[in-house]
Amino acid sequence: MADALRSVDATPQPSSACATVIRGADDGRTFPVIDISGQRAQVVADLDDALRGWGGFVCVGHSLDNALMKRMLEAAYAFFALPDDVKSKVDLVQGGGGAAWRGYMPIGGERSVSGSIEDFKEGLYCGEEHDPKNPRCLAGLPTWGQNVLPDE
């Protein structure tokens, strides 16, 4: 798993952005599809509306290669299909991901700012790999570090 995720080339490539409109449950509304290559002010307004109204959106116009996105999705499916005891070996809090915000977060592992609402998702937080000798890594700055991935 770790090798598969580390071998993904994240170099941006031109994409043929194609969005599928996702219909709402019963009310006929459509899930927001946002082209981020548009005018900044409009994109920001669209993002705000989508996140406040739906809590999410489909992103197009991003220049990520479709093959890269497919490989990342396959890696994600493989990771989340692992048994909980394997995923917990790279727990964000217990597994050393800490300040770098890297690793696995189980269902209920995050809460709202007030602490009253439990997040009902699990996640694998990854980012750009940084040299552990980088001064920002050594200082423990947020999001600076290395990915924490299972060997499986």
C-alpha atoms as a PDB file:
ATOM      1  CA  MET A   1       0.000   0.000   0.000  1.00  0.00           C
ATOM      2  CA  ALA A   2       2.688   2.479   1.003  1.00  0.00           C
ATOM      3  CA  ASP A   3       4.668   1.833  -2.168  1.00  0.00           C
ATOM      4  CA  ALA A   4       1.551   2.177  -4.328  1.00  0.00           C
ATOM      5  CA  LEU A   5       0.659   5.525  -2.783  1.00  0.00           C
ATOM      6  CA  ARG A   6       4.217   6.831  -2.861  1.00  0.00           C
ATOM      7  CA  SER A   7       4.611   5.902  -6.520  1.00  0.00           C
ATOM      8  CA  VAL A   8       1.742   8.109  -7.681  1.00  0.00           C
ATOM      9  CA  ASP A   9       3.117  10.981  -9.757  1.00  0.00           C
ATOM     10  CA  ALA A  10       1.302  14.136  -8.673  1.00  0.00           C
ATOM     11  CA  THR A  11       2.694  16.306 -11.460  1.00  0.00           C
ATOM     12  CA  PRO A  12      -0.262  18.298 -12.839  1.00  0.00           C
ATOM     13  CA  GLN A  13      -1.262  17.307 -16.362  1.00  0.00           C
ATOM     14  CA  PRO A  14      -3.858  18.845 -18.670  1.00  0.00           C
ATOM     15  CA  SER A  15      -7.230  17.211 -18.154  1.00  0.00           C
ATOM     16  CA  SER A  16     -10.344  16.958 -20.193  1.00  0.00           C
ATOM     17  CA  ALA A  17     -12.647  18.162 -17.445  1.00  0.00           C
ATOM     18  CA  CYS A  18     -15.970  16.460 -17.651  1.00  0.00           C
ATOM     19  CA  ALA A  19     -18.525  16.695 -14.883  1.00  0.00           C
ATOM     20  CA  THR A  20     -21.491  14.510 -14.212  1.00  0.00           C
ATOM     21  CA  VAL A  21     -24.368  16.324 -12.585  1.00  0.00           C
ATOM     22  CA  ILE A  22     -25.518  14.472  -9.510  1.00  0.00           C
ATOM     23  CA  ARG A  23     -29.210  14.819  -8.736  1.00  0.00           C
ATOM     24  CA  GLY A  24     -30.501  15.531  -5.237  1.00  0.00           C
ATOM     25  CA  ALA A  25     -32.499  12.865  -3.434  1.00  0.00           C
ATOM     26  CA  ASP A  26     -36.092  13.938  -3.990  1.00  0.00           C
ATOM     27  CA  ASP A  27     -36.132  17.653  -4.612  1.00  0.00           C
ATOM     28  CA  GLY A  28     -34.545  17.761  -8.078  1.00  0.00           C
ATOM     29  CA  ARG A  29     -31.618  19.922  -6.954  1.00  0.00           C
ATOM     30  CA  THR A  30     -28.238  19.089  -8.459  1.00  0.00           C
ATOM     31  CA  PHE A  31     -24.995  18.555  -6.588  1.00  0.00           C
ATOM     32  CA  PRO A  32     -22.717  21.542  -7.249  1.00  0.00           C
ATOM     33  CA  VAL A  33     -20.122  21.173 -10.025  1.00  0.00           C
ATOM     34  CA  ILE A  34     -17.566  23.986  -9.854  1.00  0.00           C
ATOM     35  CA  ASP A  35     -15.092  24.875 -12.588  1.00  0.00           C
ATOM     36  CA  ILE A  36     -12.156  26.306 -10.655  1.00  0.00           C
ATOM     37  CA  SER A  37     -10.525  27.674 -13.819  1.00  0.00           C
ATOM     38  CA  GLY A  38     -13.073  30.510 -13.901  1.00  0.00           C
ATOM     39  CA  GLN A  39     -12.898  34.030 -12.485  1.00  0.00           C
ATOM     40  CA  ARG A  40     -11.572  33.962  -8.912  1.00  0.00           C
ATOM     41  CA  ALA A  41     -14.423  35.984  -7.352  1.00  0.00           C
ATOM     42  CA  GLN A  42     -17.065  33.772  -8.984  1.00  0.00           C
ATOM     43  CA  VAL A  43     -15.233  30.574  -8.000  1.00  0.00           C
ATOM     44  CA  VAL A  44     -15.000  31.764  -4.384  1.00  0.00           C
ATOM     45  CA  ALA A  45     -18.709  32.645  -4.338  1.00  0.00           C
ATOM     46  CA  ASP A  46     -19.616  29.278  -5.893  1.00  0.00           C
ATOM     47  CA  LEU A  47     -17.444  27.413  -3.363  1.00  0.00           C
ATOM     48  CA  ASP A  48     -19.079  29.304  -0.497  1.00  0.00           C
ATOM     49  CA  ASP A  49     -22.579  28.500  -1.778  1.00  0.00           C
ATOM     50  CA  ALA A  50     -21.746  24.835  -2.362  1.00  0.00           C
ATOM     51  CA  LEU A  51     -20.159  24.302   1.026  1.00  0.00           C
ATOM     52  CA  ARG A  52     -22.867  26.145   2.927  1.00  0.00           C
ATOM     53  CA  GLY A  53     -25.716  24.534   0.979  1.00  0.00           C
ATOM     54  CA  TRP A  54     -24.418  21.016   0.332  1.00  0.00           C
ATOM     55  CA  GLY A  55     -21.241  20.558   2.327  1.00  0.00           C
ATOM     56  CA  GLY A  56     -19.352  19.536  -0.811  1.00  0.00           C
ATOM     57  CA  PHE A  57     -18.939  19.871  -4.561  1.00  0.00           C
ATOM     58  CA  VAL A  58     -17.461  18.249  -7.650  1.00  0.00           C
ATOM     59  CA  CYS A  59     -14.347  20.096  -8.831  1.00  0.00           C
ATOM     60  CA  VAL A  60     -13.551  20.453 -12.560  1.00  0.00           C
ATOM     61  CA  GLY A  61     -11.116  22.638 -14.491  1.00  0.00           C
ATOM     62  CA  HIS A  62      -8.241  21.657 -12.190  1.00  0.00           C
ATOM     63  CA  SER A  63      -5.559  20.335 -14.608  1.00  0.00           C
ATOM     64  CA  LEU A  64      -5.112  17.031 -12.748  1.00  0.00           C
ATOM     65  CA  ASP A  65      -4.658  14.092 -15.075  1.00  0.00           C
ATOM     66  CA  ASN A  66      -7.620  11.684 -15.143  1.00  0.00           C
ATOM     67  CA  ALA A  67      -5.258   8.667 -14.981  1.00  0.00           C
ATOM     68  CA  LEU A  68      -3.681  10.089 -11.810  1.00  0.00           C
ATOM     69  CA  MET A  69      -7.102  10.615 -10.238  1.00  0.00           C
ATOM     70  CA  LYS A  70      -8.076   7.037 -11.154  1.00  0.00           C
ATOM     71  CA  ARG A  71      -4.915   5.618  -9.532  1.00  0.00           C
ATOM     72  CA  MET A  72      -5.492   7.692  -6.393  1.00  0.00           C
ATOM     73  CA  LEU A  73      -9.113   6.508  -6.191  1.00  0.00           C
ATOM     74  CA  GLU A  74      -7.993   2.881  -6.564  1.00  0.00           C
ATOM     75  CA  ALA A  75      -5.382   3.382  -3.815  1.00  0.00           C
ATOM     76  CA  ALA A  76      -8.031   4.960  -1.575  1.00  0.00           C
ATOM     77  CA  TYR A  77     -10.443   2.047  -2.100  1.00  0.00           C
ATOM     78  CA  ALA A  78      -7.627  -0.388  -1.293  1.00  0.00           C
ATOM     79  CA  PHE A  79      -6.706   1.494   1.883  1.00  0.00           C
ATOM     80  CA  PHE A  80     -10.246   1.813   3.238  1.00  0.00           C
ATOM     81  CA  ALA A  81     -10.895  -1.882   2.536  1.00  0.00           C
ATOM     82  CA  LEU A  82      -8.096  -2.799   4.976  1.00  0.00           C
ATOM     83  CA  PRO A  83      -9.095  -4.115   8.412  1.00  0.00           C
ATOM     84  CA  ASP A  84      -9.409  -1.469  11.135  1.00  0.00           C
ATOM     85  CA  ASP A  85      -6.419  -2.860  13.033  1.00  0.00           C
ATOM     86  CA  VAL A  86      -4.189  -2.296   9.979  1.00  0.00           C
ATOM     87  CA  LYS A  87      -5.513   1.225   9.362  1.00  0.00           C
ATOM     88  CA  SER A  88      -5.066   2.097  13.037  1.00  0.00           C
ATOM     89  CA  LYS A  89      -1.309   1.398  12.750  1.00  0.00           C
ATOM     90  CA  VAL A  90      -1.049   4.718  10.911  1.00  0.00           C
ATOM     91  CA  ASP A  91      -3.503   6.622  13.101  1.00  0.00           C
ATOM     92  CA  LEU A  92      -2.969  10.352  12.700  1.00  0.00           C
ATOM     93  CA  VAL A  93      -2.918  10.974  16.446  1.00  0.00           C
ATOM     94  CA  GLN A  94      -1.425   7.732  17.782  1.00  0.00           C
ATOM     95  CA  GLY A  95       0.715   6.808  14.767  1.00  0.00           C
ATOM     96  CA  GLY A  96       3.012   9.803  14.641  1.00  0.00           C
ATOM     97  CA  GLY A  97       1.280  11.926  11.978  1.00  0.00           C
ATOM     98  CA  GLY A  98       0.588  14.677  14.512  1.00  0.00           C
ATOM     99  CA  ALA A  99       1.546  18.207  13.514  1.00  0.00           C
ATOM    100  CA  ALA A 100       2.201  17.141   9.920  1.00  0.00           C
ATOM    101  CA  TRP A 101      -1.479  16.127   9.806  1.00  0.00           C
ATOM    102  CA  ARG A 102      -0.678  12.823   8.100  1.00  0.00           C
ATOM    103  CA  GLY A 103      -2.209   9.407   8.658  1.00  0.00           C
ATOM    104  CA  TYR A 104      -5.542   7.733   9.302  1.00  0.00           C
ATOM    105  CA  MET A 105      -8.451   9.350  11.096  1.00  0.00           C
ATOM    106  CA  PRO A 106     -11.183   6.884  12.120  1.00  0.00           C
ATOM    107  CA  ILE A 107     -14.911   7.563  12.098  1.00  0.00           C
ATOM    108  CA  GLY A 108     -15.654   9.880  14.995  1.00  0.00           C
ATOM    109  CA  GLY A 109     -12.017  10.946  15.246  1.00  0.00           C
ATOM    110  CA  GLU A 110     -12.836  14.573  14.535  1.00  0.00           C
ATOM    111  CA  ARG A 111     -15.402  16.896  16.071  1.00  0.00           C
ATOM    112  CA  SER A 112     -16.842  20.320  15.379  1.00  0.00           C
ATOM    113  CA  VAL A 113     -15.111  23.357  16.869  1.00  0.00           C
ATOM    114  CA  SER A 114     -17.592  23.318  19.759  1.00  0.00           C
ATOM    115  CA  GLY A 115     -17.022  19.583  20.214  1.00  0.00           C
ATOM    116  CA  SER A 116     -20.732  18.894  20.049  1.00  0.00           C
ATOM    117  CA  ILE A 117     -20.848  17.294  16.581  1.00  0.00           C
ATOM    118  CA  GLU A 118     -18.920  14.131  15.759  1.00  0.00           C
ATOM    119  CA  ASP A 119     -17.595  13.784  12.206  1.00  0.00           C
ATOM    120  CA  PHE A 120     -19.016  10.661  10.584  1.00  0.00           C
ATOM    121  CA  LYS A 121     -16.264   9.853   8.093  1.00  0.00           C
ATOM    122  CA  GLU A 122     -12.895   8.224   8.063  1.00  0.00           C
ATOM    123  CA  GLY A 123      -9.963   9.755   6.254  1.00  0.00           C
ATOM    124  CA  LEU A 124      -6.397   9.188   5.165  1.00  0.00           C
ATOM    125  CA  TYR A 125      -4.542  12.465   5.283  1.00  0.00           C
ATOM    126  CA  CYS A 126      -1.583  12.703   2.906  1.00  0.00           C
ATOM    127  CA  GLY A 127       0.435  15.534   1.460  1.00  0.00           C
ATOM    128  CA  GLU A 128       3.658  16.458  -0.222  1.00  0.00           C
ATOM    129  CA  GLU A 129       6.617  14.511   1.156  1.00  0.00           C
ATOM    130  CA  HIS A 130       9.119  16.801   2.871  1.00  0.00           C
ATOM    131  CA  ASP A 131      12.716  16.089   3.820  1.00  0.00           C
ATOM    132  CA  PRO A 132      12.671  15.355   7.576  1.00  0.00           C
ATOM    133  CA  LYS A 133      15.723  17.637   7.906  1.00  0.00           C
ATOM    134  CA  ASN A 134      13.792  20.586   6.456  1.00  0.00           C
ATOM    135  CA  PRO A 135      13.766  23.362   9.090  1.00  0.00           C
ATOM    136  CA  ARG A 136       9.978  23.543   8.885  1.00  0.00           C
ATOM    137  CA  CYS A 137       9.699  19.812   9.653  1.00  0.00           C
ATOM    138  CA  LEU A 138      12.187  20.124  12.497  1.00  0.00           C
ATOM    139  CA  ALA A 139      10.149  23.031  13.900  1.00  0.00           C
ATOM    140  CA  GLY A 140       7.012  20.865  13.824  1.00  0.00           C
ATOM    141  CA  LEU A 141       5.081  23.314  11.668  1.00  0.00           C
ATOM    142  CA  PRO A 142       1.564  22.161  10.721  1.00  0.00           C
ATOM    143  CA  THR A 143       1.342  20.119   7.492  1.00  0.00           C
ATOM    144  CA  TRP A 144       5.144  19.833   7.159  1.00  0.00           C
ATOM    145  CA  GLY A 145       6.380  16.272   7.317  1.00  0.00           C
ATOM    146  CA  GLN A 146       6.145  12.871   5.726  1.00  0.00           C
ATOM    147  CA  ASN A 147       3.186  10.680   4.954  1.00  0.00           C
ATOM    148  CA  VAL A 148       2.318   7.920   7.372  1.00  0.00           C
ATOM    149  CA  LEU A 149       1.192   4.898   5.352  1.00  0.00           C
ATOM    150  CA  PRO A 150       0.697   1.199   6.112  1.00  0.00           C
ATOM    151  CA  ASP A 151       3.087  -1.403   4.716  1.00  0.00           C
ATOM    152  CA  GLU A 152       0.162  -3.591   3.693  1.00  0.00           C
END
